Structure formats: C-alpha cells, structure tokens
C-alpha cells in the first residue's frame, strides 16, 4: 500500500494527476487530470506514462529482467544497496520527503532505501526530529517487464513506465533525493525536480569491476574516463558533495555469472544459451571483484540555463 502519494504531472498537459476511485483500499488504480487524460494501472500495479510515439530507446527484455531478479535476490549486491540507502538518508529526514529512483529496474535498490528509512524511524528516539514514515517513492523505468517486478516488490511506491529523456511527470522542486544506479541520467530534468536542499546520488562501476569475467562473458569494459564524463555532464547544474567506493568480493556460480551478464547491456546482444556455451568450463565458484562508486551531488547555487 502507498505510504503517501507523490505529486505527479500528466505527461500530456502537465496538469496535476489525482487518484480516481478506490481511495479506501490504499491502492491507486487510476490517475487522471482535470483535462480528462487518465492512466489506468496495469494488472501488475504500474502505470504507463509513455505517450505519443512512446520512446525510441530499447528497454530491457523479460529475459534480462529475470536474470537481474535472480542475481539481486541472491544478495550479491546487497552491500551496495545498503550503502546507497545510507547515502540517501540525510536528505530524506524532513517531513513528507519524496524519493525518485530513476531507472529503478526491478526496484531492488529503492526497496533497500525504503527498508532502511523504515528501520531508522522505528529506532528513532522521541525528540530526534521529523520522521520519514510519510515518504513518497517513485520508481521510473523504461521497461514494463522490470516495472512488473518493481510494483510487486515496492507496492508503497508509484511505479511508472517512462523515458528519462522526456520531461519527468513531477513538478519543479518536488523531490528530496534522486537515485540513479547504472542508468541514464538527464541532468536538466533532475535539476528541475530536485529541491534546492536535495541530493542526486549516482552509482557507477569503477575500473576493475567484474574484470575476472567481463571478457569471457561478453560484457562491456569500463570506460577509464567515466568519472570525468559524469562530472562534465552534471557541471553547471550540480556540484559534487562526496564520493564513496564500495568493493564487494563475490563468489559466483556459472549460473550467477550468466545472470550477471544477461542483466546488463550485454543482455541486448546475447541469450542464455549462447552464454552457457561461452561459460562452459567455469568452476563451481569463481572469485569476482565488484567495484562501485557512489557519487553524491547537490544542486548548484547558480544553475545552468
């Protein structure tokens, strides 16, 4: 059930969207604006906000999403999810905060943020300040297959099929935290929807990430100029606040390795049968190094035009 409905904008006319009917159940089934544009929840609980010609970008397939679910459900990246949640907390400590997980995928990282905040509220002593039990969460992704999983995992969030390169269905200065984990970034839109006190949290891979298996599994290498390109893309709209490196040493089965390859960009160009053949001969446990960077940015005092 939703803990709090975020303010959403109609992707057609940019008027406020309001829930229609079924208010007592805590489940939002229809969103509509005063111009009578309406959006029905899919049977799995997400809303499709792609209008017009939709999007030209390729979304994750059902096979890619299934691989990601299996890999993340096994807990391999749990240390990363927990570190991300800790990084988000300072900006979500006021009354009625809102978090946007852009590129939410199957919703695992948003789930970690919501669980962490819930635990912090339970353990807070009287007088420790405003709680976050009224947090509003929005999960945005281009893949309906991913959103089916996300809506089930995070029923208290509004899960939206949408393109990050189109105007986000959120008002100006409405969001406390934007999280982006291995997903595309739209600096102009993130700057627009974030509050002046908000945070943009970006997770990227570092040099050496999955280096032991990347080539054999057909995965893309890490661009050595990745950090510089991120800083350049955000310059003028965001200023760096902090960066934290997370190292996770994994022991992966051949099936884990195949899931890891399929769940990322390589999944658009291969399938499980091909991967199984390519990975034949791997031992029952392969030592793999996962190397991440959590970069936190704040809105610039003088934003770019």
Protein backbone atom coordinates (compact mmCIF):
# COMPACT_ATOMS: atom_id res chain seq x y z
CA UNK A 1 0.00 0.00 0.00
CA UNK A 2 1.09 3.55 -0.68
CA UNK A 3 2.50 5.39 2.31
CA UNK A 4 1.97 8.73 0.59
CA UNK A 5 1.01 9.64 -2.97
CA UNK A 6 3.59 11.93 -4.58
CA UNK A 7 2.51 14.89 -6.66
CA UNK A 8 2.53 13.73 -10.28
CA UNK A 9 2.02 15.63 -13.52
CA UNK A 10 0.12 14.47 -16.57
CA UNK A 11 2.64 13.72 -19.35
CA UNK A 12 0.20 15.15 -21.91
CA UNK A 13 -0.84 18.52 -20.44
CA UNK A 14 1.38 18.84 -17.33
CA UNK A 15 -1.61 19.30 -15.01
CA UNK A 16 -1.71 17.58 -11.61
CA UNK A 17 -2.73 13.94 -11.63
CA UNK A 18 -5.15 12.76 -8.96
CA UNK A 19 -6.24 9.26 -7.94
CA UNK A 20 -9.74 8.35 -9.08
CA UNK A 21 -11.90 5.99 -7.02
CA UNK A 22 -10.82 3.06 -4.85
CA UNK A 23 -9.42 5.51 -2.30
CA UNK A 24 -10.18 3.35 0.73
CA UNK A 25 -8.08 0.40 -0.41
CA UNK A 26 -4.77 2.28 -0.41
CA UNK A 27 -4.22 1.10 -3.99
CA UNK A 28 -4.27 3.65 -6.78
CA UNK A 29 -5.98 2.17 -9.83
CA UNK A 30 -6.50 5.27 -11.99
CA UNK A 31 -4.68 8.60 -12.27
CA UNK A 32 -6.46 11.45 -14.04
CA UNK A 33 -6.05 15.19 -14.61
CA UNK A 34 -8.65 17.93 -14.97
CA UNK A 35 -8.17 17.82 -18.75
CA UNK A 36 -9.55 14.26 -18.57
CA UNK A 37 -6.37 12.48 -19.51
CA UNK A 38 -6.35 9.27 -17.49
CA UNK A 39 -3.93 6.43 -16.87
CA UNK A 40 -5.03 3.02 -15.63
CA UNK A 41 -2.79 0.84 -13.53
CA UNK A 42 -1.68 -2.32 -15.26
CA UNK A 43 -2.76 -5.57 -13.65
CA UNK A 44 0.70 -5.81 -12.06
CA UNK A 45 0.32 -2.35 -10.47
CA UNK A 46 2.44 0.03 -12.55
CA UNK A 47 1.37 2.96 -14.73
CA UNK A 48 2.50 3.53 -18.31
CA UNK A 49 3.37 7.23 -18.77
CA UNK A 50 4.76 6.89 -22.29
CA UNK A 51 2.51 8.88 -24.62
CA UNK A 52 2.55 9.83 -28.28
CA UNK A 53 5.19 7.84 -30.13
CA UNK A 54 6.49 6.35 -26.88
CA UNK A 55 10.26 6.03 -26.90
CA UNK A 56 12.97 5.22 -29.40
CA UNK A 57 15.17 3.58 -26.78
CA UNK A 58 15.49 -0.17 -26.30
CA UNK A 59 14.12 -1.40 -22.99
CA UNK A 60 15.27 -4.41 -21.01
CA UNK A 61 13.69 -7.67 -22.12
CA UNK A 62 11.84 -10.18 -19.98
CA UNK A 63 14.92 -12.46 -20.04
CA UNK A 64 17.20 -9.62 -18.89
CA UNK A 65 14.81 -8.72 -16.08
CA UNK A 66 14.51 -12.33 -14.94
CA UNK A 67 18.31 -12.60 -14.80
CA UNK A 68 18.59 -9.38 -12.79
CA UNK A 69 15.92 -10.51 -10.35
CA UNK A 70 17.67 -13.84 -9.78
CA UNK A 71 21.06 -12.20 -9.27
CA UNK A 72 19.89 -9.43 -6.94
CA UNK A 73 17.55 -11.73 -4.99
CA UNK A 74 20.63 -13.80 -4.16
CA UNK A 75 22.01 -10.78 -2.28
CA UNK A 76 25.22 -10.36 -4.27
CA UNK A 77 24.91 -6.57 -4.43
CA UNK A 78 23.32 -6.09 -1.00
CA UNK A 79 26.33 -4.12 0.38
CA UNK A 80 25.88 -1.63 -2.45
CA UNK A 81 22.14 -1.30 -1.81
CA UNK A 82 22.71 -0.69 1.88
CA UNK A 83 25.40 1.94 1.23
CA UNK A 84 23.08 3.70 -1.22
CA UNK A 85 20.33 3.81 1.39
CA UNK A 86 22.68 5.35 3.95
CA UNK A 87 23.73 8.00 1.42
CA UNK A 88 20.08 8.91 0.79
CA UNK A 89 19.05 9.29 4.43
CA UNK A 90 20.30 12.83 5.19
CA UNK A 91 18.10 14.40 2.53
CA UNK A 92 15.05 12.30 3.48
CA UNK A 93 14.93 13.25 7.14
CA UNK A 94 12.40 16.06 6.93
CA UNK A 95 8.60 15.96 6.87
CA UNK A 96 6.91 14.29 3.88
CA UNK A 97 10.03 13.56 1.81
CA UNK A 98 9.97 12.23 -1.75
CA UNK A 99 12.47 9.94 -3.45
CA UNK A 100 12.74 9.27 -7.19
CA UNK A 101 14.57 6.13 -8.27
CA UNK A 102 15.30 6.83 -11.93
CA UNK A 103 16.00 3.64 -13.84
CA UNK A 104 14.52 1.66 -10.95
CA UNK A 105 14.64 -1.64 -12.85
CA UNK A 106 13.27 -4.38 -10.64
CA UNK A 107 13.12 -1.98 -7.68
CA UNK A 108 15.76 -3.67 -5.52
CA UNK A 109 17.68 -0.50 -4.70
CA UNK A 110 14.55 1.51 -3.92
CA UNK A 111 13.45 -1.35 -1.67
CA UNK A 112 16.71 -1.02 0.28
CA UNK A 113 16.19 2.74 0.67
CA UNK A 114 12.63 2.30 1.95
CA UNK A 115 13.56 -0.52 4.33
CA UNK A 116 16.50 1.43 5.74
CA UNK A 117 14.41 4.53 6.32
CA UNK A 118 11.68 2.47 7.94
CA UNK A 119 14.17 0.92 10.35
CA UNK A 120 15.61 4.34 11.21
CA UNK A 121 12.14 5.65 12.04
CA UNK A 122 11.46 2.69 14.34
CA UNK A 123 14.73 3.22 16.20
CA UNK A 124 14.46 7.00 16.48
CA UNK A 125 14.20 8.34 20.00
CA UNK A 126 11.48 10.88 20.87
CA UNK A 127 12.66 14.37 20.03
CA UNK A 128 15.10 13.20 17.32
CA UNK A 129 13.32 15.27 14.69
CA UNK A 130 10.84 14.72 11.92
CA UNK A 131 10.16 11.18 10.81
CA UNK A 132 10.12 9.77 7.32
CA UNK A 133 7.19 7.37 7.66
CA UNK A 134 5.34 9.61 5.20
CA UNK A 135 7.93 9.11 2.45
CA UNK A 136 6.63 9.17 -1.11
CA UNK A 137 8.52 6.98 -3.57
CA UNK A 138 8.53 6.99 -7.37
CA UNK A 139 10.18 4.26 -9.41
CA UNK A 140 10.73 5.14 -13.08
CA UNK A 141 11.92 2.75 -15.77
CA UNK A 142 11.50 2.29 -19.49
CA UNK A 143 10.91 -1.49 -19.25
CA UNK A 144 7.42 -2.74 -18.46
CA UNK A 145 8.94 -6.13 -17.67
CA UNK A 146 11.09 -4.53 -14.97
CA UNK A 147 8.16 -2.49 -13.62
CA UNK A 148 6.09 -5.63 -13.16
CA UNK A 149 8.72 -6.83 -10.69
CA UNK A 150 9.20 -3.40 -9.12
CA UNK A 151 5.50 -2.88 -8.48
CA UNK A 152 5.33 -6.21 -6.67
CA UNK A 153 8.47 -5.53 -4.63
CA UNK A 154 7.56 -1.91 -3.80
CA UNK A 155 3.76 -1.65 -3.57
CA UNK A 156 4.08 1.51 -1.47
CA UNK A 157 5.74 3.31 -4.40
CA UNK A 158 4.25 4.70 -7.59
CA UNK A 159 5.94 2.73 -10.37
CA UNK A 160 5.94 4.40 -13.76
CA UNK A 161 6.97 3.30 -17.24
CA UNK A 162 8.67 6.40 -18.59
CA UNK A 163 11.61 7.72 -20.58
CA UNK A 164 14.17 9.70 -18.55
CA UNK A 165 14.94 11.75 -21.69
CA UNK A 166 11.38 13.09 -21.76
CA UNK A 167 10.02 15.60 -19.20
CA UNK A 168 9.61 13.74 -15.92
CA UNK A 169 6.00 13.56 -14.63
CA UNK A 170 6.92 15.51 -11.49
CA UNK A 171 6.63 19.21 -10.55
CA UNK A 172 9.56 21.57 -10.09
CA UNK A 173 11.45 21.24 -6.78
CA UNK A 174 9.29 18.31 -5.63
CA UNK A 175 11.91 15.64 -4.88
CA UNK A 176 14.36 15.28 -1.99
CA UNK A 177 16.54 12.55 -3.48
CA UNK A 178 17.09 11.20 -6.98
CA UNK A 179 18.91 7.87 -7.11
CA UNK A 180 20.40 6.57 -10.37
CA UNK A 181 22.01 3.13 -10.29
CA UNK A 182 23.68 2.06 -13.57
CA UNK A 183 21.07 4.03 -15.51
CA UNK A 184 20.96 7.00 -17.92
CA UNK A 185 21.00 10.50 -16.44
CA UNK A 186 19.10 13.60 -17.53
CA UNK A 187 20.83 16.43 -15.60
CA UNK A 188 18.39 19.14 -16.69
CA UNK A 189 15.33 17.21 -15.55
CA UNK A 190 16.96 16.02 -12.33
CA UNK A 191 17.89 19.62 -11.51
CA UNK A 192 14.34 20.75 -12.24
CA UNK A 193 12.58 18.23 -9.99
CA UNK A 194 15.06 18.32 -7.08
CA UNK A 195 14.57 20.67 -4.17
CA UNK A 196 17.42 23.15 -3.54
CA UNK A 197 18.32 21.03 -0.49
CA UNK A 198 18.05 17.76 -2.40
CA UNK A 199 20.63 15.19 -3.43
CA UNK A 200 21.41 13.39 -6.65
CA UNK A 201 23.03 10.02 -5.94
CA UNK A 202 24.68 8.25 -8.86
CA UNK A 203 26.15 4.73 -8.77
CA UNK A 204 28.72 3.83 -11.42
CA UNK A 205 31.19 0.95 -11.86
CA UNK A 206 34.91 1.59 -11.29
CA UNK A 207 37.96 0.30 -13.10
CA UNK A 208 38.36 -3.43 -12.48
CA UNK A 209 34.63 -4.01 -11.98
CA UNK A 210 33.94 -7.68 -12.81
CA UNK A 211 37.30 -7.82 -14.53
CA UNK A 212 37.75 -11.54 -13.90
CA UNK A 213 34.73 -12.48 -16.06
CA UNK A 214 33.86 -9.46 -18.23
CA UNK A 215 35.69 -10.53 -21.37
CA UNK A 216 34.64 -14.17 -21.24
CA UNK A 217 31.00 -13.25 -20.59
CA UNK A 218 30.94 -10.69 -23.40
CA UNK A 219 30.40 -7.75 -21.07
CA UNK A 220 31.40 -4.20 -21.87
CA UNK A 221 34.60 -2.83 -20.37
CA UNK A 222 34.69 0.19 -18.07
CA UNK A 223 35.46 3.50 -19.77
CA UNK A 224 38.50 4.96 -17.93
CA UNK A 225 37.06 8.45 -18.42
CA UNK A 226 33.69 7.59 -16.87
CA UNK A 227 34.07 9.85 -13.80
CA UNK A 228 35.17 12.80 -15.92
CA UNK A 229 32.23 12.37 -18.29
CA UNK A 230 29.83 12.23 -15.34
CA UNK A 231 31.26 15.43 -13.84
CA UNK A 232 31.15 17.17 -17.22
CA UNK A 233 27.54 16.14 -17.82
CA UNK A 234 26.42 17.49 -14.44
CA UNK A 235 28.55 20.65 -14.47
CA UNK A 236 26.59 23.86 -14.16
CA UNK A 237 23.60 22.14 -12.58
CA UNK A 238 25.18 20.06 -9.81
CA UNK A 239 28.19 20.30 -7.53
CA UNK A 240 29.93 17.23 -6.07
CA UNK A 241 29.35 16.63 -2.36
CA UNK A 242 31.01 13.29 -1.68
CA UNK A 243 32.14 10.01 -3.24
CA UNK A 244 32.37 6.58 -1.66
CA UNK A 245 33.99 3.49 -3.16
CA UNK A 246 32.34 0.15 -2.42
CA UNK A 247 34.27 -3.08 -3.01
CA UNK A 248 32.39 -6.38 -2.91
CA UNK A 249 34.23 -9.67 -3.33
CA UNK A 250 31.89 -12.23 -4.85
CA UNK A 251 31.94 -15.98 -5.24
CA UNK A 252 29.76 -16.78 -8.23
CA UNK A 253 28.43 -19.98 -9.72
CA UNK A 254 28.31 -20.34 -13.53
CA UNK A 255 24.58 -19.53 -13.34
CA UNK A 256 25.35 -16.36 -11.34
CA UNK A 257 27.88 -15.30 -13.97
CA UNK A 258 25.36 -15.87 -16.74
CA UNK A 259 22.74 -13.83 -14.85
CA UNK A 260 25.25 -11.05 -14.27
CA UNK A 261 26.00 -10.83 -17.98
CA UNK A 262 22.38 -11.07 -19.08
CA UNK A 263 21.10 -8.43 -16.66
CA UNK A 264 23.24 -5.63 -18.11
CA UNK A 265 23.76 -4.07 -21.55
CA UNK A 266 25.25 -7.31 -22.89
CA UNK A 267 21.82 -8.86 -22.47
CA UNK A 268 20.63 -6.92 -25.52
CA UNK A 269 23.12 -8.80 -27.70
CA UNK A 270 23.20 -12.33 -26.32
CA UNK A 271 20.99 -15.02 -24.80
CA UNK A 272 21.30 -17.64 -22.10
CA UNK A 273 22.07 -20.49 -24.49
CA UNK A 274 24.96 -18.57 -26.02
CA UNK A 275 26.25 -17.57 -22.60
CA UNK A 276 26.01 -21.12 -21.26
CA UNK A 277 28.19 -22.30 -24.13
CA UNK A 278 30.64 -19.42 -23.68
CA UNK A 279 30.94 -20.01 -19.94
CA UNK A 280 31.38 -23.78 -20.16
CA UNK A 281 34.30 -24.91 -18.06
CA UNK A 282 33.94 -22.29 -15.33
CA UNK A 283 34.47 -23.74 -11.83
CA UNK A 284 31.60 -24.10 -9.41
CA UNK A 285 32.76 -20.89 -7.70
CA UNK A 286 34.54 -18.04 -9.45
CA UNK A 287 36.05 -15.20 -7.43
CA UNK A 288 34.88 -11.89 -8.88
CA UNK A 289 35.55 -8.31 -7.78
CA UNK A 290 32.66 -5.86 -7.92
CA UNK A 291 33.84 -2.25 -7.74
CA UNK A 292 31.36 0.60 -7.38
CA UNK A 293 31.41 4.34 -6.73
CA UNK A 294 28.54 6.18 -5.04
CA UNK A 295 28.77 9.84 -6.05
CA UNK A 296 26.58 12.40 -4.26
CA UNK A 297 25.79 15.74 -5.86
CA UNK A 298 23.81 18.78 -4.72
CA UNK A 299 22.11 21.38 -6.92
CA UNK A 300 24.39 24.25 -7.91
CA UNK A 301 23.59 27.61 -6.36
CA UNK A 302 23.61 29.14 -9.85
CA UNK A 303 22.01 26.53 -12.10
CA UNK A 304 22.75 26.28 -15.79
CA UNK A 305 20.23 27.99 -18.07
